[in-house]
Amino acid sequence: MTPMCENILDDPAASFWLKNALRSALDRDPVDALNDAEVLVVALKERLYFVVNEEAAE
């Protein structure tokens, strides 16, 4: 395991969700896990922009 992964898993301030996602990703093919993570980032950014714009319109 890489030092950054270890630091995240050992960090009490890291969210439960992040730690679970990282543990799950570490059990997968690293290329597949990274590709899925990049798609997730795009989807979450889209959701953020939607929520921010929706609130600004109110």
PDB file of N, CA and C in Angstrom:
ATOM      1  N   MET A   1       0.856  -1.178   0.000  1.00  0.00           N
ATOM      2  CA  MET A   1       0.000   0.000   0.000  1.00  0.00           C
ATOM      3  C   MET A   1       0.897   1.234   0.000  1.00  0.00           C
ATOM      4  N   THR A   2       0.458   2.248  -0.704  1.00  0.00           N
ATOM      5  CA  THR A   2       1.255   3.470  -0.799  1.00  0.00           C
ATOM      6  C   THR A   2       1.141   4.290   0.487  1.00  0.00           C
ATOM      7  N   PRO A   3       2.140   5.147   0.731  1.00  0.00           N
ATOM      8  CA  PRO A   3       2.076   5.989   1.935  1.00  0.00           C
ATOM      9  C   PRO A   3       0.829   6.879   1.977  1.00  0.00           C
ATOM     10  N   MET A   4       0.412   7.414   0.836  1.00  0.00           N
ATOM     11  CA  MET A   4      -0.768   8.278   0.846  1.00  0.00           C
ATOM     12  C   MET A   4      -2.013   7.495   1.224  1.00  0.00           C
ATOM     13  N   CYS A   5      -2.157   6.293   0.697  1.00  0.00           N
ATOM     14  CA  CYS A   5      -3.303   5.446   1.056  1.00  0.00           C
ATOM     15  C   CYS A   5      -3.288   5.136   2.549  1.00  0.00           C
ATOM     16  N   GLU A   6      -2.126   4.791   3.060  1.00  0.00           N
ATOM     17  CA  GLU A   6      -2.007   4.511   4.498  1.00  0.00           C
ATOM     18  C   GLU A   6      -2.376   5.732   5.316  1.00  0.00           C
ATOM     19  N   ASN A   7      -1.907   6.912   4.888  1.00  0.00           N
ATOM     20  CA  ASN A   7      -2.213   8.147   5.626  1.00  0.00           C
ATOM     21  C   ASN A   7      -3.713   8.410   5.658  1.00  0.00           C
ATOM     22  N   ILE A   8      -4.382   8.218   4.547  1.00  0.00           N
ATOM     23  CA  ILE A   8      -5.831   8.437   4.503  1.00  0.00           C
ATOM     24  C   ILE A   8      -6.540   7.458   5.428  1.00  0.00           C
ATOM     25  N   LEU A   9      -6.180   6.187   5.354  1.00  0.00           N
ATOM     26  CA  LEU A   9      -6.850   5.178   6.184  1.00  0.00           C
ATOM     27  C   LEU A   9      -6.571   5.374   7.668  1.00  0.00           C
ATOM     28  N   ASP A  10      -5.418   5.949   8.013  1.00  0.00           N
ATOM     29  CA  ASP A  10      -5.067   6.180   9.417  1.00  0.00           C
ATOM     30  C   ASP A  10      -5.554   7.526   9.945  1.00  0.00           C
ATOM     31  N   ASP A  11      -6.033   8.382   9.075  1.00  0.00           N
ATOM     32  CA  ASP A  11      -6.411   9.746   9.463  1.00  0.00           C
ATOM     33  C   ASP A  11      -7.800   9.758  10.103  1.00  0.00           C
ATOM     34  N   PRO A  12      -7.889  10.126  11.372  1.00  0.00           N
ATOM     35  CA  PRO A  12      -9.202  10.153  12.018  1.00  0.00           C
ATOM     36  C   PRO A  12     -10.124  11.224  11.433  1.00  0.00           C
ATOM     37  N   ALA A  13      -9.569  12.202  10.741  1.00  0.00           N
ATOM     38  CA  ALA A  13     -10.389  13.254  10.145  1.00  0.00           C
ATOM     39  C   ALA A  13     -10.925  12.859   8.767  1.00  0.00           C
ATOM     40  N   ALA A  14     -10.371  11.808   8.172  1.00  0.00           N
ATOM     41  CA  ALA A  14     -10.860  11.355   6.865  1.00  0.00           C
ATOM     42  C   ALA A  14     -12.241  10.733   7.044  1.00  0.00           C
ATOM     43  N   SER A  15     -13.120  11.009   6.118  1.00  0.00           N
ATOM     44  CA  SER A  15     -14.494  10.534   6.249  1.00  0.00           C
ATOM     45  C   SER A  15     -14.587   9.014   6.113  1.00  0.00           C
ATOM     46  N   PHE A  16     -15.614   8.483   6.735  1.00  0.00           N
ATOM     47  CA  PHE A  16     -15.910   7.051   6.654  1.00  0.00           C
ATOM     48  C   PHE A  16     -16.124   6.661   5.197  1.00  0.00           C
ATOM     49  N   TRP A  17     -16.853   7.501   4.453  1.00  0.00           N
ATOM     50  CA  TRP A  17     -17.125   7.232   3.041  1.00  0.00           C
ATOM     51  C   TRP A  17     -15.833   7.143   2.235  1.00  0.00           C
ATOM     52  N   LEU A  18     -14.914   8.089   2.453  1.00  0.00           N
ATOM     53  CA  LEU A  18     -13.647   8.082   1.718  1.00  0.00           C
ATOM     54  C   LEU A  18     -12.832   6.838   2.040  1.00  0.00           C
ATOM     55  N   LYS A  19     -12.758   6.496   3.300  1.00  0.00           N
ATOM     56  CA  LYS A  19     -11.999   5.302   3.685  1.00  0.00           C
ATOM     57  C   LYS A  19     -12.599   4.038   3.079  1.00  0.00           C
ATOM     58  N   ASN A  20     -13.917   3.936   3.081  1.00  0.00           N
ATOM     59  CA  ASN A  20     -14.566   2.765   2.477  1.00  0.00           C
ATOM     60  C   ASN A  20     -14.319   2.714   0.976  1.00  0.00           C
ATOM     61  N   ALA A  21     -14.412   3.864   0.313  1.00  0.00           N
ATOM     62  CA  ALA A  21     -14.177   3.910  -1.126  1.00  0.00           C
ATOM     63  C   ALA A  21     -12.736   3.516  -1.439  1.00  0.00           C
ATOM     64  N   LEU A  22     -11.795   3.987  -0.640  1.00  0.00           N
ATOM     65  CA  LEU A  22     -10.391   3.656  -0.855  1.00  0.00           C
ATOM     66  C   LEU A  22     -10.143   2.172  -0.628  1.00  0.00           C
ATOM     67  N   ARG A  23     -10.674   1.627   0.447  1.00  0.00           N
ATOM     68  CA  ARG A  23     -10.502   0.188   0.701  1.00  0.00           C
ATOM     69  C   ARG A  23     -11.067  -0.638  -0.456  1.00  0.00           C
ATOM     70  N   SER A  24     -12.221  -0.238  -0.933  1.00  0.00           N
ATOM     71  CA  SER A  24     -12.841  -0.944  -2.049  1.00  0.00           C
ATOM     72  C   SER A  24     -11.980  -0.829  -3.305  1.00  0.00           C
ATOM     73  N   ALA A  25     -11.456   0.344  -3.568  1.00  0.00           N
ATOM     74  CA  ALA A  25     -10.628   0.559  -4.760  1.00  0.00           C
ATOM     75  C   ALA A  25      -9.326  -0.235  -4.689  1.00  0.00           C
ATOM     76  N   LEU A  26      -8.787  -0.393  -3.501  1.00  0.00           N
ATOM     77  CA  LEU A  26      -7.518  -1.116  -3.351  1.00  0.00           C
ATOM     78  C   LEU A  26      -7.668  -2.602  -3.668  1.00  0.00           C
ATOM     79  N   ASP A  27      -8.883  -3.099  -3.613  1.00  0.00           N
ATOM     80  CA  ASP A  27      -9.141  -4.507  -3.939  1.00  0.00           C
ATOM     81  C   ASP A  27      -9.369  -4.733  -5.436  1.00  0.00           C
ATOM     82  N   ARG A  28      -9.359  -3.660  -6.213  1.00  0.00           N
ATOM     83  CA  ARG A  28      -9.677  -3.747  -7.637  1.00  0.00           C
ATOM     84  C   ARG A  28      -8.431  -3.553  -8.491  1.00  0.00           C
ATOM     85  N   ASP A  29      -8.586  -3.816  -9.772  1.00  0.00           N
ATOM     86  CA  ASP A  29      -7.536  -3.483 -10.727  1.00  0.00           C
ATOM     87  C   ASP A  29      -7.333  -1.970 -10.666  1.00  0.00           C
ATOM     88  N   PRO A  30      -6.096  -1.496 -10.506  1.00  0.00           N
ATOM     89  CA  PRO A  30      -5.878  -0.058 -10.329  1.00  0.00           C
ATOM     90  C   PRO A  30      -6.321   0.793 -11.519  1.00  0.00           C
ATOM     91  N   VAL A  31      -6.219   0.274 -12.721  1.00  0.00           N
ATOM     92  CA  VAL A  31      -6.665   1.037 -13.896  1.00  0.00           C
ATOM     93  C   VAL A  31      -8.181   1.185 -13.876  1.00  0.00           C
ATOM     94  N   ASP A  32      -8.881   0.100 -13.604  1.00  0.00           N
ATOM     95  CA  ASP A  32     -10.346   0.163 -13.529  1.00  0.00           C
ATOM     96  C   ASP A  32     -10.803   1.081 -12.400  1.00  0.00           C
ATOM     97  N   ALA A  33     -10.151   0.981 -11.257  1.00  0.00           N
ATOM     98  CA  ALA A  33     -10.525   1.808 -10.112  1.00  0.00           C
ATOM     99  C   ALA A  33     -10.318   3.294 -10.424  1.00  0.00           C
ATOM    100  N   LEU A  34      -9.206   3.627 -11.052  1.00  0.00           N
ATOM    101  CA  LEU A  34      -8.941   5.025 -11.394  1.00  0.00           C
ATOM    102  C   LEU A  34      -9.937   5.534 -12.422  1.00  0.00           C
ATOM    103  N   ASN A  35     -10.226   4.730 -13.441  1.00  0.00           N
ATOM    104  CA  ASN A  35     -11.205   5.147 -14.447  1.00  0.00           C
ATOM    105  C   ASN A  35     -12.563   5.426 -13.806  1.00  0.00           C
ATOM    106  N   ASP A  36     -12.985   4.545 -12.916  1.00  0.00           N
ATOM    107  CA  ASP A  36     -14.265   4.746 -12.236  1.00  0.00           C
ATOM    108  C   ASP A  36     -14.224   5.982 -11.343  1.00  0.00           C
ATOM    109  N   ALA A  37     -13.111   6.209 -10.669  1.00  0.00           N
ATOM    110  CA  ALA A  37     -12.978   7.384  -9.803  1.00  0.00           C
ATOM    111  C   ALA A  37     -13.054   8.672 -10.616  1.00  0.00           C
ATOM    112  N   GLU A  38     -12.465   8.666 -11.791  1.00  0.00           N
ATOM    113  CA  GLU A  38     -12.515   9.858 -12.640  1.00  0.00           C
ATOM    114  C   GLU A  38     -13.930  10.134 -13.136  1.00  0.00           C
ATOM    115  N   VAL A  39     -14.675   9.083 -13.454  1.00  0.00           N
ATOM    116  CA  VAL A  39     -16.075   9.258 -13.843  1.00  0.00           C
ATOM    117  C   VAL A  39     -16.879   9.792 -12.664  1.00  0.00           C
ATOM    118  N   LEU A  40     -16.601   9.278 -11.469  1.00  0.00           N
ATOM    119  CA  LEU A  40     -17.289   9.744 -10.266  1.00  0.00           C
ATOM    120  C   LEU A  40     -17.015  11.223 -10.012  1.00  0.00           C
ATOM    121  N   VAL A  41     -15.788  11.665 -10.200  1.00  0.00           N
ATOM    122  CA  VAL A  41     -15.447  13.084 -10.016  1.00  0.00           C
ATOM    123  C   VAL A  41     -16.281  13.950 -10.949  1.00  0.00           C
ATOM    124  N   VAL A  42     -16.384  13.553 -12.208  1.00  0.00           N
ATOM    125  CA  VAL A  42     -17.171  14.322 -13.177  1.00  0.00           C
ATOM    126  C   VAL A  42     -18.638  14.375 -12.743  1.00  0.00           C
ATOM    127  N   ALA A  43     -19.187  13.245 -12.334  1.00  0.00           N
ATOM    128  CA  ALA A  43     -20.588  13.195 -11.916  1.00  0.00           C
ATOM    129  C   ALA A  43     -20.825  14.057 -10.677  1.00  0.00           C
ATOM    130  N   LEU A  44     -19.901  14.023  -9.714  1.00  0.00           N
ATOM    131  CA  LEU A  44     -20.072  14.817  -8.498  1.00  0.00           C
ATOM    132  C   LEU A  44     -19.914  16.311  -8.768  1.00  0.00           C
ATOM    133  N   LYS A  45     -19.022  16.674  -9.676  1.00  0.00           N
ATOM    134  CA  LYS A  45     -18.891  18.091 -10.059  1.00  0.00           C
ATOM    135  C   LYS A  45     -20.175  18.570 -10.730  1.00  0.00           C
ATOM    136  N   GLU A  46     -20.728  17.741 -11.608  1.00  0.00           N
ATOM    137  CA  GLU A  46     -21.978  18.109 -12.270  1.00  0.00           C
ATOM    138  C   GLU A  46     -23.079  18.310 -11.248  1.00  0.00           C
ATOM    139  N   ARG A  47     -23.144  17.420 -10.272  1.00  0.00           N
ATOM    140  CA  ARG A  47     -24.157  17.546  -9.217  1.00  0.00           C
ATOM    141  C   ARG A  47     -23.952  18.831  -8.415  1.00  0.00           C
ATOM    142  N   LEU A  48     -22.699  19.137  -8.076  1.00  0.00           N
ATOM    143  CA  LEU A  48     -22.395  20.352  -7.336  1.00  0.00           C
ATOM    144  C   LEU A  48     -22.855  21.582  -8.107  1.00  0.00           C
ATOM    145  N   TYR A  49     -22.501  21.670  -9.388  1.00  0.00           N
ATOM    146  CA  TYR A  49     -22.898  22.819 -10.199  1.00  0.00           C
ATOM    147  C   TYR A  49     -24.413  22.927 -10.289  1.00  0.00           C
ATOM    148  N   PHE A  50     -25.090  21.793 -10.409  1.00  0.00           N
ATOM    149  CA  PHE A  50     -26.552  21.790 -10.459  1.00  0.00           C
ATOM    150  C   PHE A  50     -27.136  22.333  -9.169  1.00  0.00           C
ATOM    151  N   VAL A  51     -26.649  21.848  -8.034  1.00  0.00           N
ATOM    152  CA  VAL A  51     -27.174  22.274  -6.734  1.00  0.00           C
ATOM    153  C   VAL A  51     -26.900  23.763  -6.511  1.00  0.00           C
ATOM    154  N   VAL A  52     -25.695  24.213  -6.821  1.00  0.00           N
ATOM    155  CA  VAL A  52     -25.342  25.614  -6.620  1.00  0.00           C
ATOM    156  C   VAL A  52     -26.215  26.514  -7.512  1.00  0.00           C
ATOM    157  N   ASN A  53     -26.365  26.134  -8.766  1.00  0.00           N
ATOM    158  CA  ASN A  53     -27.179  26.940  -9.676  1.00  0.00           C
ATOM    159  C   ASN A  53     -28.651  26.917  -9.300  1.00  0.00           C
ATOM    160  N   GLU A  54     -29.122  25.782  -8.823  1.00  0.00           N
ATOM    161  CA  GLU A  54     -30.522  25.668  -8.402  1.00  0.00           C
ATOM    162  C   GLU A  54     -30.775  26.584  -7.198  1.00  0.00           C
ATOM    163  N   GLU A  55     -29.835  26.609  -6.243  1.00  0.00           N
ATOM    164  CA  GLU A  55     -29.990  27.459  -5.060  1.00  0.00           C
ATOM    165  C   GLU A  55     -29.885  28.925  -5.432  1.00  0.00           C
ATOM    166  N   ALA A  56     -29.026  29.249  -6.394  1.00  0.00           N
ATOM    167  CA  ALA A  56     -28.872  30.643  -6.818  1.00  0.00           C
ATOM    168  C   ALA A  56     -30.130  31.150  -7.517  1.00  0.00           C
ATOM    169  N   ALA A  57     -30.870  30.252  -8.153  1.00  0.00           N
ATOM    170  CA  ALA A  57     -32.083  30.631  -8.866  1.00  0.00           C
ATOM    171  C   ALA A  57     -33.265  30.861  -7.925  1.00  0.00           C
ATOM    172  N   GLU A  58     -33.151  30.392  -6.715  1.00  0.00           N
ATOM    173  CA  GLU A  58     -34.272  30.536  -5.753  1.00  0.00           C
ATOM    174  C   GLU A  58     -34.344  31.915  -5.181  1.00  0.00           C
TER     175      GLU A  58
END
